[in-house]
Amino acid sequence: MDEKLSVVLYSFGFKHGVPVDANMVWDVRFLPNPYWQEALRPLTGQEQKVADYVVKSEQGKKFLTLFKPLLDFLIAEHRTQDKRHLRLAIGCTGGRHRSVAIVEEFRLHLHQEDIKLTVFHRDIGRVG
């Protein structure tokens, strides 16, 4: 039996419904929206230009500076309490740009943690 904490990080779009299976849901619609940039609109948060637009903005940098320690704290507390599952959902409007970029940034942040990490983007392929 795998004793590692299972952490699921996923992005979603609020306009497609709030996930019911998440332990915690965060709204990142306050971050700059690549949708309003003609060149970035057809791309996703998995592409570097979009990720940079989101995470390198002043709001993005500040959010990540504040949130990464909270993420570390949540993982440590779940381990301390012998919990086995933590599901964190990050949402933006459509689930293609901002939430995806943030989840991918969290993936990089957690890659060396001794956890079973699963990342997916629920609404990345949706249009409209």
C-alpha atoms as a PDB file:
ATOM      1  CA  MET A   1       0.000   0.000   0.000  1.00  0.00           C
ATOM      2  CA  ASP A   2       1.320   3.433  -0.975  1.00  0.00           C
ATOM      3  CA  GLU A   3       1.734   5.483   2.195  1.00  0.00           C
ATOM      4  CA  LYS A   4       2.549   8.732   0.398  1.00  0.00           C
ATOM      5  CA  LEU A   5       0.131  11.602   0.602  1.00  0.00           C
ATOM      6  CA  SER A   6      -1.848  11.838  -2.627  1.00  0.00           C
ATOM      7  CA  VAL A   7      -2.099  15.450  -3.780  1.00  0.00           C
ATOM      8  CA  VAL A   8      -4.323  16.297  -6.722  1.00  0.00           C
ATOM      9  CA  LEU A   9      -3.970  19.759  -8.222  1.00  0.00           C
ATOM     10  CA  TYR A  10      -6.330  20.751 -10.940  1.00  0.00           C
ATOM     11  CA  SER A  11      -7.515  23.747 -12.852  1.00  0.00           C
ATOM     12  CA  PHE A  12     -11.079  24.483 -13.845  1.00  0.00           C
ATOM     13  CA  GLY A  13     -13.299  27.220 -15.230  1.00  0.00           C
ATOM     14  CA  PHE A  14     -15.982  28.711 -12.987  1.00  0.00           C
ATOM     15  CA  LYS A  15     -18.281  29.125 -15.980  1.00  0.00           C
ATOM     16  CA  HIS A  16     -18.258  25.323 -16.356  1.00  0.00           C
ATOM     17  CA  GLY A  17     -19.176  24.709 -12.718  1.00  0.00           C
ATOM     18  CA  VAL A  18     -17.348  24.576  -9.409  1.00  0.00           C
ATOM     19  CA  PRO A  19     -15.860  21.138  -8.652  1.00  0.00           C
ATOM     20  CA  VAL A  20     -17.585  19.247  -5.864  1.00  0.00           C
ATOM     21  CA  ASP A  21     -14.738  16.817  -5.172  1.00  0.00           C
ATOM     22  CA  ALA A  22     -12.092  19.346  -4.067  1.00  0.00           C
ATOM     23  CA  ASN A  23     -11.018  19.777  -0.452  1.00  0.00           C
ATOM     24  CA  MET A  24     -10.260  23.415  -1.222  1.00  0.00           C
ATOM     25  CA  VAL A  25     -11.082  25.733  -4.125  1.00  0.00           C
ATOM     26  CA  TRP A  26      -9.229  28.939  -4.985  1.00  0.00           C
ATOM     27  CA  ASP A  27     -10.307  31.662  -7.366  1.00  0.00           C
ATOM     28  CA  VAL A  28      -7.519  33.285  -9.408  1.00  0.00           C
ATOM     29  CA  ARG A  29      -9.726  35.533 -11.552  1.00  0.00           C
ATOM     30  CA  PHE A  30      -7.981  38.548  -9.988  1.00  0.00           C
ATOM     31  CA  LEU A  31      -4.835  37.762 -12.019  1.00  0.00           C
ATOM     32  CA  PRO A  32      -4.258  39.424 -15.419  1.00  0.00           C
ATOM     33  CA  ASN A  33      -6.326  37.613 -18.047  1.00  0.00           C
ATOM     34  CA  PRO A  34      -4.476  36.455 -21.187  1.00  0.00           C
ATOM     35  CA  TYR A  35      -7.848  36.045 -22.885  1.00  0.00           C
ATOM     36  CA  TRP A  36      -7.896  39.804 -23.526  1.00  0.00           C
ATOM     37  CA  GLN A  37      -4.537  39.641 -25.351  1.00  0.00           C
ATOM     38  CA  GLU A  38      -5.206  38.757 -28.987  1.00  0.00           C
ATOM     39  CA  ALA A  39      -1.946  36.808 -29.399  1.00  0.00           C
ATOM     40  CA  LEU A  40      -2.440  34.818 -26.177  1.00  0.00           C
ATOM     41  CA  ARG A  41      -6.163  34.024 -26.463  1.00  0.00           C
ATOM     42  CA  PRO A  42      -5.812  30.828 -28.554  1.00  0.00           C
ATOM     43  CA  LEU A  43      -3.019  29.487 -26.308  1.00  0.00           C
ATOM     44  CA  THR A  44      -3.295  27.803 -22.911  1.00  0.00           C
ATOM     45  CA  GLY A  45      -1.622  28.281 -19.543  1.00  0.00           C
ATOM     46  CA  GLN A  46       0.681  25.365 -20.373  1.00  0.00           C
ATOM     47  CA  GLU A  47       2.434  27.525 -22.952  1.00  0.00           C
ATOM     48  CA  GLN A  48       5.300  29.702 -21.754  1.00  0.00           C
ATOM     49  CA  LYS A  49       4.006  33.010 -23.145  1.00  0.00           C
ATOM     50  CA  VAL A  50       0.730  32.645 -21.265  1.00  0.00           C
ATOM     51  CA  ALA A  51       2.387  31.324 -18.106  1.00  0.00           C
ATOM     52  CA  ASP A  52       4.797  34.267 -18.094  1.00  0.00           C
ATOM     53  CA  TYR A  53       1.943  36.735 -18.610  1.00  0.00           C
ATOM     54  CA  VAL A  54       0.181  35.334 -15.541  1.00  0.00           C
ATOM     55  CA  VAL A  55       2.919  34.356 -13.083  1.00  0.00           C
ATOM     56  CA  LYS A  56       5.367  37.158 -13.862  1.00  0.00           C
ATOM     57  CA  SER A  57       2.765  39.886 -13.431  1.00  0.00           C
ATOM     58  CA  GLU A  58       2.943  41.872 -10.188  1.00  0.00           C
ATOM     59  CA  GLN A  59      -0.234  40.162  -8.954  1.00  0.00           C
ATOM     60  CA  GLY A  60       1.041  36.739  -9.997  1.00  0.00           C
ATOM     61  CA  LYS A  61       4.380  37.149  -8.241  1.00  0.00           C
ATOM     62  CA  LYS A  62       2.748  38.375  -5.041  1.00  0.00           C
ATOM     63  CA  PHE A  63       0.113  35.611  -5.081  1.00  0.00           C
ATOM     64  CA  LEU A  64       2.751  32.897  -5.543  1.00  0.00           C
ATOM     65  CA  THR A  65       4.962  34.395  -2.821  1.00  0.00           C
ATOM     66  CA  LEU A  66       2.039  34.203  -0.402  1.00  0.00           C
ATOM     67  CA  PHE A  67       0.467  30.968  -1.571  1.00  0.00           C
ATOM     68  CA  LYS A  68       3.452  28.622  -1.912  1.00  0.00           C
ATOM     69  CA  PRO A  69       4.135  28.659   1.865  1.00  0.00           C
ATOM     70  CA  LEU A  70       0.422  27.963   2.457  1.00  0.00           C
ATOM     71  CA  LEU A  71       0.609  25.016   0.057  1.00  0.00           C
ATOM     72  CA  ASP A  72       3.654  23.678   1.920  1.00  0.00           C
ATOM     73  CA  PHE A  73       1.829  24.139   5.244  1.00  0.00           C
ATOM     74  CA  LEU A  74      -1.274  22.290   4.005  1.00  0.00           C
ATOM     75  CA  ILE A  75       0.801  19.345   2.828  1.00  0.00           C
ATOM     76  CA  ALA A  76       2.728  19.201   6.109  1.00  0.00           C
ATOM     77  CA  GLU A  77      -0.510  19.338   8.150  1.00  0.00           C
ATOM     78  CA  HIS A  78      -2.128  16.589   6.095  1.00  0.00           C
ATOM     79  CA  ARG A  79       0.937  14.415   6.715  1.00  0.00           C
ATOM     80  CA  THR A  80       0.910  15.191  10.438  1.00  0.00           C
ATOM     81  CA  GLN A  81      -2.730  14.182  10.694  1.00  0.00           C
ATOM     82  CA  ASP A  82      -2.138  11.005   8.678  1.00  0.00           C
ATOM     83  CA  LYS A  83      -4.526  12.108   5.975  1.00  0.00           C
ATOM     84  CA  ARG A  84      -3.957  10.375   2.649  1.00  0.00           C
ATOM     85  CA  HIS A  85      -5.656  12.689   0.144  1.00  0.00           C
ATOM     86  CA  LEU A  86      -5.610  16.401  -0.619  1.00  0.00           C
ATOM     87  CA  ARG A  87      -7.489  17.740  -3.664  1.00  0.00           C
ATOM     88  CA  LEU A  88      -6.896  21.391  -4.524  1.00  0.00           C
ATOM     89  CA  ALA A  89      -8.792  23.100  -7.333  1.00  0.00           C
ATOM     90  CA  ILE A  90      -7.726  26.414  -8.844  1.00  0.00           C
ATOM     91  CA  GLY A  91     -10.298  28.239 -10.934  1.00  0.00           C
ATOM     92  CA  CYS A  92     -10.455  31.103 -13.380  1.00  0.00           C
ATOM     93  CA  THR A  93     -13.214  32.096 -15.775  1.00  0.00           C
ATOM     94  CA  GLY A  94     -12.847  29.492 -18.514  1.00  0.00           C
ATOM     95  CA  GLY A  95     -10.160  27.161 -17.186  1.00  0.00           C
ATOM     96  CA  ARG A  96      -7.704  27.635 -20.073  1.00  0.00           C
ATOM     97  CA  HIS A  97      -5.242  30.336 -19.033  1.00  0.00           C
ATOM     98  CA  ARG A  98      -4.794  31.637 -15.486  1.00  0.00           C
ATOM     99  CA  SER A  99      -5.784  28.571 -13.473  1.00  0.00           C
ATOM    100  CA  VAL A 100      -3.734  26.319 -15.748  1.00  0.00           C
ATOM    101  CA  ALA A 101      -0.644  28.523 -15.412  1.00  0.00           C
ATOM    102  CA  ILE A 102      -0.964  28.569 -11.611  1.00  0.00           C
ATOM    103  CA  VAL A 103      -1.462  24.808 -11.337  1.00  0.00           C
ATOM    104  CA  GLU A 104       1.602  24.253 -13.534  1.00  0.00           C
ATOM    105  CA  GLU A 105       3.596  26.620 -11.304  1.00  0.00           C
ATOM    106  CA  PHE A 106       2.473  24.627  -8.257  1.00  0.00           C
ATOM    107  CA  ARG A 107       3.512  21.419 -10.035  1.00  0.00           C
ATOM    108  CA  LEU A 108       7.034  22.809 -10.395  1.00  0.00           C
ATOM    109  CA  HIS A 109       7.031  23.927  -6.768  1.00  0.00           C
ATOM    110  CA  LEU A 110       5.992  20.483  -5.489  1.00  0.00           C
ATOM    111  CA  HIS A 111       8.040  18.270  -7.813  1.00  0.00           C
ATOM    112  CA  GLN A 112      10.579  17.393  -5.114  1.00  0.00           C
ATOM    113  CA  GLU A 113       8.033  16.716  -2.362  1.00  0.00           C
ATOM    114  CA  ASP A 114       7.655  13.109  -1.246  1.00  0.00           C
ATOM    115  CA  ILE A 115       4.039  12.932  -2.396  1.00  0.00           C
ATOM    116  CA  LYS A 116       2.028  11.230  -5.090  1.00  0.00           C
ATOM    117  CA  LEU A 117       1.226  14.256  -7.261  1.00  0.00           C
ATOM    118  CA  THR A 118      -1.496  14.234  -9.886  1.00  0.00           C
ATOM    119  CA  VAL A 119      -2.149  17.275 -12.063  1.00  0.00           C
ATOM    120  CA  PHE A 120      -4.930  17.764 -14.554  1.00  0.00           C
ATOM    121  CA  HIS A 121      -6.749  20.572 -16.287  1.00  0.00           C
ATOM    122  CA  ARG A 122     -10.448  19.828 -16.307  1.00  0.00           C
ATOM    123  CA  ASP A 123     -11.601  22.514 -18.754  1.00  0.00           C
ATOM    124  CA  ILE A 124      -8.499  23.310 -20.805  1.00  0.00           C
ATOM    125  CA  GLY A 125     -10.046  21.988 -24.022  1.00  0.00           C
ATOM    126  CA  ARG A 126     -13.414  23.697 -23.678  1.00  0.00           C
ATOM    127  CA  VAL A 127     -14.332  26.587 -25.886  1.00  0.00           C
ATOM    128  CA  GLY A 128     -17.072  29.018 -24.995  1.00  0.00           C
END
